[in-house]
Amino acid sequence: MATEMTYLTDKILRRAVERQLEDEFDTHDIIFTLMTDVPREYVYELHQFRDHPVDPFVGLHTRIGHRLASKELHNTVRQLHRKRRSKNCRGKDDECEIWEKVERPIKKHNYQGDTKMTVSHEQIIEACRPILEIVGFHVTQNRNERRFITAYQIWFELRRQGEPICQELINECKGEYVGKGAGSNVGPAQKIAQALGNSRYIETQYLDTRFIKFNDLEPSGEDCGLFRLKS
């Protein structure tokens, strides 16, 4: 049984699966997504296989395939038990497994006399984590640190990716109010900020927003929460 990897965690693997555009994809597609989206984590994990008797790449890529087939990821990806040939990381045609996404139903909690959907903090954090995982790093005091982003930037990215939780948040908030113009209404971005601010896995700061930018989006307001995964 393949245990969870140190750097290429199950969360990162789920994100790589969700990034696939085709109905069917192979292990090489997942590997190239990991190499592109999380190069540091990929290299760190590859280093764990430096003493592999055959080849570090073979060791790591085999482990990735085994982990995709594990019971911990059965709600995310399904092995089709078919193979096809595609280019590996060395540019050579090689045979590998074919996979497909598993559609995960959205949990809805309906209460008598109330048709709105209740979204838990845990659901929000689960949806936001893949975005927080791919935020870039910067060098400070001779070490790499992950950048902070705002709840509004996360909300915009969730919308861009078409995440199902977006509609739940819109329904619950009765609109898409964001930023200071929301007035007394609590919008999706505020819901996200509340969830992230209460998570022990997320670091929250209140910093000068003038130089905060992610995917060409800048935060509104002078005082807003900034979030990143704890290292």
Protein backbone atom coordinates (compact mmCIF):
# COMPACT_ATOMS: atom_id res chain seq x y z
CA MET A 1 0.00 0.00 0.00
CA ALA A 2 1.35 3.45 -0.96
CA THR A 3 1.42 5.80 2.01
CA GLU A 4 0.85 9.52 1.58
CA MET A 5 3.90 11.30 0.23
CA THR A 6 5.74 13.97 2.20
CA TYR A 7 5.60 16.84 -0.29
CA LEU A 8 3.21 15.71 -3.03
CA THR A 9 0.38 15.34 -0.55
CA ASP A 10 -3.07 13.96 -1.27
CA LYS A 11 -4.38 17.52 -1.42
CA ILE A 12 -1.93 18.35 -4.18
CA LEU A 13 -2.77 15.14 -6.06
CA ARG A 14 -6.48 15.96 -5.86
CA ARG A 15 -5.77 19.40 -7.27
CA ALA A 16 -3.77 17.86 -10.14
CA VAL A 17 -6.71 15.56 -10.94
CA GLU A 18 -9.18 18.46 -10.86
CA ARG A 19 -6.96 20.38 -13.29
CA GLN A 20 -7.34 17.76 -16.03
CA LEU A 21 -9.55 18.98 -18.88
CA GLU A 22 -10.23 15.70 -20.69
CA ASP A 23 -12.71 13.05 -19.56
CA GLU A 24 -9.88 10.51 -19.54
CA PHE A 25 -6.24 11.24 -18.74
CA ASP A 26 -3.16 9.23 -17.94
CA THR A 27 -0.49 9.19 -15.28
CA HIS A 28 1.84 11.26 -17.45
CA ASP A 29 -0.78 14.03 -17.57
CA ILE A 30 -0.87 14.11 -13.79
CA ILE A 31 2.93 14.12 -13.57
CA PHE A 32 3.29 17.03 -15.99
CA THR A 33 0.64 18.96 -14.04
CA LEU A 34 2.58 18.41 -10.82
CA MET A 35 5.86 19.44 -12.44
CA THR A 36 4.25 22.64 -13.75
CA ASP A 37 2.03 23.66 -10.83
CA VAL A 38 4.13 22.62 -7.83
CA PRO A 39 7.74 22.30 -9.08
CA ARG A 40 9.30 22.70 -5.64
CA GLU A 41 7.19 20.00 -4.06
CA TYR A 42 7.85 17.75 -7.05
CA VAL A 43 11.63 18.21 -6.78
CA TYR A 44 11.59 17.75 -3.01
CA GLU A 45 9.62 14.51 -3.40
CA LEU A 46 11.92 13.34 -6.21
CA HIS A 47 14.86 13.82 -3.86
CA GLN A 48 13.30 11.23 -1.53
CA PHE A 49 13.92 8.65 -4.29
CA ARG A 50 17.56 9.55 -4.94
CA ASP A 51 18.69 6.07 -3.85
CA HIS A 52 16.08 4.18 -5.90
CA PRO A 53 17.76 1.06 -7.37
CA VAL A 54 16.44 1.69 -10.89
CA ASP A 55 15.81 5.40 -11.40
CA PRO A 56 14.54 8.19 -9.09
CA PHE A 57 11.94 9.23 -11.68
CA VAL A 58 10.66 5.67 -12.01
CA GLY A 59 10.42 5.38 -8.23
CA LEU A 60 8.52 8.63 -7.79
CA HIS A 61 6.18 8.18 -10.75
CA THR A 62 5.34 4.64 -9.67
CA ARG A 63 4.51 5.95 -6.19
CA ILE A 64 2.28 8.64 -7.71
CA GLY A 65 0.37 5.99 -9.64
CA HIS A 66 -0.02 3.81 -6.57
CA ARG A 67 -1.24 6.77 -4.53
CA LEU A 68 -3.80 7.73 -7.16
CA ALA A 69 -5.16 4.19 -6.90
CA SER A 70 -5.31 4.28 -3.09
CA LYS A 71 -8.56 4.19 -1.14
CA GLU A 72 -7.84 7.67 0.22
CA LEU A 73 -8.32 9.13 -3.28
CA HIS A 74 -11.17 6.90 -4.47
CA ASN A 75 -13.62 9.82 -4.19
CA THR A 76 -11.44 11.91 -6.50
CA VAL A 77 -10.05 9.67 -9.23
CA ARG A 78 -10.92 6.26 -10.72
CA GLN A 79 -8.49 3.86 -12.35
CA LEU A 80 -9.94 2.50 -15.62
CA HIS A 81 -7.57 -0.50 -15.75
CA ARG A 82 -6.55 0.37 -19.27
CA LYS A 83 -3.26 1.72 -20.53
CA ARG A 84 -2.11 3.94 -23.37
CA ARG A 85 1.18 5.24 -24.67
CA SER A 86 2.13 8.87 -24.17
CA LYS A 87 5.31 10.90 -23.71
CA ASN A 88 7.01 10.66 -20.35
CA CYS A 89 9.12 13.35 -18.66
CA ARG A 90 12.08 12.41 -20.87
CA GLY A 91 10.08 12.88 -24.07
CA LYS A 92 9.87 9.17 -24.86
CA ASP A 93 6.68 7.21 -25.53
CA ASP A 94 5.84 5.00 -22.59
CA GLU A 95 2.84 2.99 -21.45
CA CYS A 96 0.90 4.19 -18.41
CA GLU A 97 -2.45 3.92 -16.65
CA ILE A 98 -5.61 5.78 -17.71
CA TRP A 99 -7.82 7.53 -15.14
CA GLU A 100 -11.03 9.54 -14.89
CA LYS A 101 -12.41 11.99 -12.36
CA VAL A 102 -14.99 10.92 -9.83
CA GLU A 103 -17.84 13.39 -9.61
CA ARG A 104 -18.32 14.40 -5.98
CA PRO A 105 -21.82 15.45 -4.93
CA ILE A 106 -22.24 18.75 -3.14
CA LYS A 107 -23.53 18.32 0.38
CA LYS A 108 -26.72 20.27 0.97
CA HIS A 109 -28.33 20.75 4.35
CA ASN A 110 -31.98 21.71 3.97
CA TYR A 111 -33.96 22.76 7.01
CA GLN A 112 -37.74 22.73 7.27
CA GLY A 113 -39.12 26.07 6.15
CA ASP A 114 -35.70 27.21 4.88
CA THR A 115 -34.56 26.48 1.34
CA LYS A 116 -31.09 28.02 1.62
CA MET A 117 -27.98 25.84 1.70
CA THR A 118 -25.61 25.91 4.64
CA VAL A 119 -21.92 25.84 3.78
CA SER A 120 -19.60 24.82 6.61
CA HIS A 121 -16.20 26.33 7.28
CA GLU A 122 -14.69 22.93 6.57
CA GLN A 123 -16.25 22.87 3.08
CA ILE A 124 -14.97 26.37 2.35
CA ILE A 125 -11.44 25.55 3.51
CA GLU A 126 -11.44 22.33 1.44
CA ALA A 127 -12.39 24.33 -1.66
CA CYS A 128 -9.85 27.10 -1.00
CA ARG A 129 -6.89 24.91 -0.10
CA PRO A 130 -5.92 23.98 -3.72
CA ILE A 131 -5.66 27.68 -4.55
CA LEU A 132 -3.60 28.42 -1.46
CA GLU A 133 -1.32 25.50 -2.34
CA ILE A 134 -0.33 26.95 -5.73
CA VAL A 135 0.35 30.51 -4.59
CA GLY A 136 3.95 31.42 -5.43
CA PHE A 137 6.89 31.89 -3.09
CA HIS A 138 9.21 34.81 -2.48
CA VAL A 139 12.61 35.03 -0.82
CA THR A 140 12.82 36.78 2.53
CA GLN A 141 15.73 36.64 4.97
CA ASN A 142 17.43 34.01 2.79
CA ARG A 143 14.48 31.60 2.82
CA ASN A 144 11.46 30.92 0.63
CA GLU A 145 8.09 31.94 2.02
CA ARG A 146 4.68 31.49 0.45
CA ARG A 147 2.90 34.73 -0.49
CA PHE A 148 -0.32 35.91 1.14
CA ILE A 149 -3.54 36.44 -0.83
CA THR A 150 -6.92 37.90 0.09
CA ALA A 151 -10.32 36.27 0.42
CA TYR A 152 -11.59 38.28 -2.56
CA GLN A 153 -8.75 36.98 -4.74
CA ILE A 154 -9.57 33.43 -3.65
CA TRP A 155 -13.27 34.00 -4.38
CA PHE A 156 -12.52 35.31 -7.87
CA GLU A 157 -10.29 32.29 -8.58
CA LEU A 158 -12.98 29.89 -7.35
CA ARG A 159 -15.45 31.55 -9.73
CA ARG A 160 -12.98 31.41 -12.61
CA GLN A 161 -12.48 27.69 -12.06
CA GLY A 162 -16.21 27.05 -11.83
CA GLU A 163 -16.04 25.48 -8.38
CA PRO A 164 -19.50 24.13 -7.32
CA ILE A 165 -19.22 25.71 -3.87
CA CYS A 166 -19.52 29.16 -5.49
CA GLN A 167 -23.20 28.76 -6.19
CA GLU A 168 -23.78 27.51 -2.66
CA LEU A 169 -22.12 30.62 -1.26
CA ILE A 170 -24.08 32.92 -3.57
CA ASN A 171 -27.35 31.26 -2.53
CA GLU A 172 -26.54 31.47 1.15
CA CYS A 173 -25.40 35.09 0.95
CA LYS A 174 -28.31 36.02 -1.34
CA GLY A 175 -25.91 37.71 -3.72
CA GLU A 176 -22.29 38.27 -4.66
CA TYR A 177 -21.48 41.26 -2.46
CA VAL A 178 -17.72 41.62 -2.12
CA GLY A 179 -15.38 44.18 -0.63
CA LYS A 180 -16.27 47.29 1.33
CA GLY A 181 -19.27 48.04 -0.91
CA ALA A 182 -21.08 45.06 0.59
CA GLY A 183 -22.39 47.25 3.39
CA SER A 184 -24.27 45.23 5.99
CA ASN A 185 -24.52 42.24 3.65
CA VAL A 186 -22.08 39.39 4.17
CA GLY A 187 -20.85 38.23 0.78
CA PRO A 188 -18.97 35.11 -0.36
CA ALA A 189 -15.57 36.74 0.11
CA GLN A 190 -16.44 37.58 3.71
CA LYS A 191 -17.62 34.01 4.29
CA ILE A 192 -14.30 32.77 2.95
CA ALA A 193 -12.39 35.18 5.19
CA GLN A 194 -14.32 34.00 8.24
CA ALA A 195 -13.60 30.34 7.49
CA LEU A 196 -9.91 30.86 6.76
CA GLY A 197 -9.46 33.12 9.78
CA ASN A 198 -10.80 30.38 12.06
CA SER A 199 -8.64 27.59 10.62
CA ARG A 200 -5.57 26.36 12.47
CA TYR A 201 -4.02 25.41 9.14
CA ILE A 202 -4.12 28.95 7.73
CA GLU A 203 -1.90 31.86 8.72
CA THR A 204 -3.75 35.19 8.84
CA GLN A 205 -2.20 38.64 8.80
CA TYR A 206 -3.43 42.20 8.33
CA LEU A 207 -0.93 43.96 6.13
CA ASP A 208 -0.52 46.93 3.81
CA THR A 209 -2.56 45.97 0.73
CA ARG A 210 -0.93 48.31 -1.79
CA PHE A 211 1.46 45.69 -3.11
CA ILE A 212 -0.75 42.60 -2.88
CA LYS A 213 -1.51 41.14 -6.30
CA PHE A 214 -2.52 37.67 -7.53
CA ASN A 215 -3.60 36.82 -11.09
CA ASP A 216 -3.88 40.57 -11.88
CA LEU A 217 -6.37 41.10 -9.04
CA GLU A 218 -5.83 43.72 -6.36
CA PRO A 219 -7.72 43.80 -3.04
CA SER A 220 -10.14 46.57 -2.14
CA GLY A 221 -10.07 48.45 1.13
CA GLU A 222 -7.29 49.59 3.40
CA ASP A 223 -7.55 46.85 6.01
CA CYS A 224 -8.20 43.28 4.91
CA GLY A 225 -7.21 39.81 5.98
CA LEU A 226 -4.37 38.10 4.14
CA PHE A 227 -4.08 34.34 4.11
CA ARG A 228 -1.58 31.60 3.34
CA LEU A 229 -1.04 27.99 4.30
CA LYS A 230 1.01 27.45 7.43
CA SER A 231 4.37 25.89 6.67
